[in-house]
Protein backbone atom coordinates (compact mmCIF):
# COMPACT_ATOMS: atom_id res chain seq x y z
CA MET A 1 0.00 0.00 0.00
CA LEU A 2 2.78 2.45 0.91
CA LYS A 3 4.56 1.65 -2.37
CA LYS A 4 1.47 2.58 -4.34
CA GLN A 5 0.99 5.79 -2.36
CA LEU A 6 4.62 6.82 -2.83
CA ALA A 7 4.55 6.08 -6.58
CA GLU A 8 1.34 8.08 -7.03
CA TYR A 9 2.65 10.95 -4.89
CA LEU A 10 5.87 11.22 -6.91
CA HIS A 11 3.98 10.96 -10.18
CA ARG A 12 1.45 13.63 -9.22
CA TYR A 13 3.59 16.19 -7.39
CA HIS A 14 7.24 15.60 -8.28
CA HIS A 15 7.43 15.03 -12.02
CA GLY A 16 10.80 16.00 -13.50
CA ALA A 17 14.07 17.18 -12.00
CA GLU A 18 12.75 20.71 -11.42
CA ASN A 19 10.13 19.22 -9.05
CA ALA A 20 12.36 16.82 -7.13
CA VAL A 21 11.53 16.14 -3.49
CA THR A 22 14.13 15.50 -0.81
CA SER A 23 14.45 12.25 1.05
CA LYS A 24 13.80 14.07 4.33
CA GLU A 25 10.51 15.47 3.04
CA LEU A 26 9.37 12.03 1.87
CA GLU A 27 10.45 10.44 5.18
CA HIS A 28 8.37 13.00 7.04
CA THR A 29 5.37 12.80 4.69
CA PHE A 30 5.19 8.98 4.79
CA CYS A 31 6.51 8.47 8.37
CA VAL A 32 9.35 6.18 7.28
CA SER A 33 13.08 6.06 7.91
CA GLY A 34 15.65 6.82 5.23
CA LYS A 35 16.39 3.11 4.83
CA GLU A 36 12.70 2.23 4.51
CA LEU A 37 12.28 4.93 1.87
CA ARG A 38 15.29 3.70 -0.13
CA ASP A 39 13.99 0.13 0.07
CA ILE A 40 10.56 1.19 -1.22
CA VAL A 41 12.08 3.26 -4.04
CA ASN A 42 14.33 0.36 -5.06
CA SER A 43 11.36 -2.01 -5.02
CA LEU A 44 9.37 0.35 -7.26
CA ARG A 45 12.31 0.61 -9.65
CA ARG A 46 12.50 -3.20 -9.86
CA GLU A 47 8.80 -3.16 -10.80
CA GLY A 48 9.60 -0.80 -13.66
CA ILE A 49 8.51 2.51 -12.09
CA PRO A 50 11.08 5.09 -13.27
CA ILE A 51 12.24 7.05 -10.24
CA ALA A 52 15.45 9.03 -10.54
CA SER A 53 17.55 10.36 -7.69
CA ASP A 54 20.35 12.85 -7.36
CA GLN A 55 21.57 15.46 -4.89
CA SER A 56 18.35 17.44 -5.34
CA GLY A 57 16.11 14.51 -4.36
CA TYR A 58 13.66 12.13 -6.00
CA PRO A 59 11.76 13.17 -9.12
CA ALA A 60 9.48 10.88 -11.07
CA ASP A 61 11.88 10.18 -13.90
CA HIS A 62 10.13 10.56 -17.22
CA PRO A 63 7.56 13.23 -18.05
CA SER A 64 5.64 11.03 -20.48
CA TYR A 65 5.37 8.11 -18.06
CA GLU A 66 1.80 7.04 -17.41
CA LYS A 67 0.25 6.86 -13.94
CA PRO A 68 2.13 4.09 -12.08
CA TYR A 69 -0.85 2.28 -10.51
């Protein structure tokens, strides 16, 4: 359930590098630790959900990507 919520949140509010969200903000929003967040993001990536990451945070990776769930 949390995976779906995170994927939808990133898709809706953080599409593209200019809209990246920090790990700390996601940890606070979803009440998870940094490790839990990284584990969820990695799981979504393995399922084919394109989520990028860099020093600015996590953006949903591709602007033409359809709704994840």
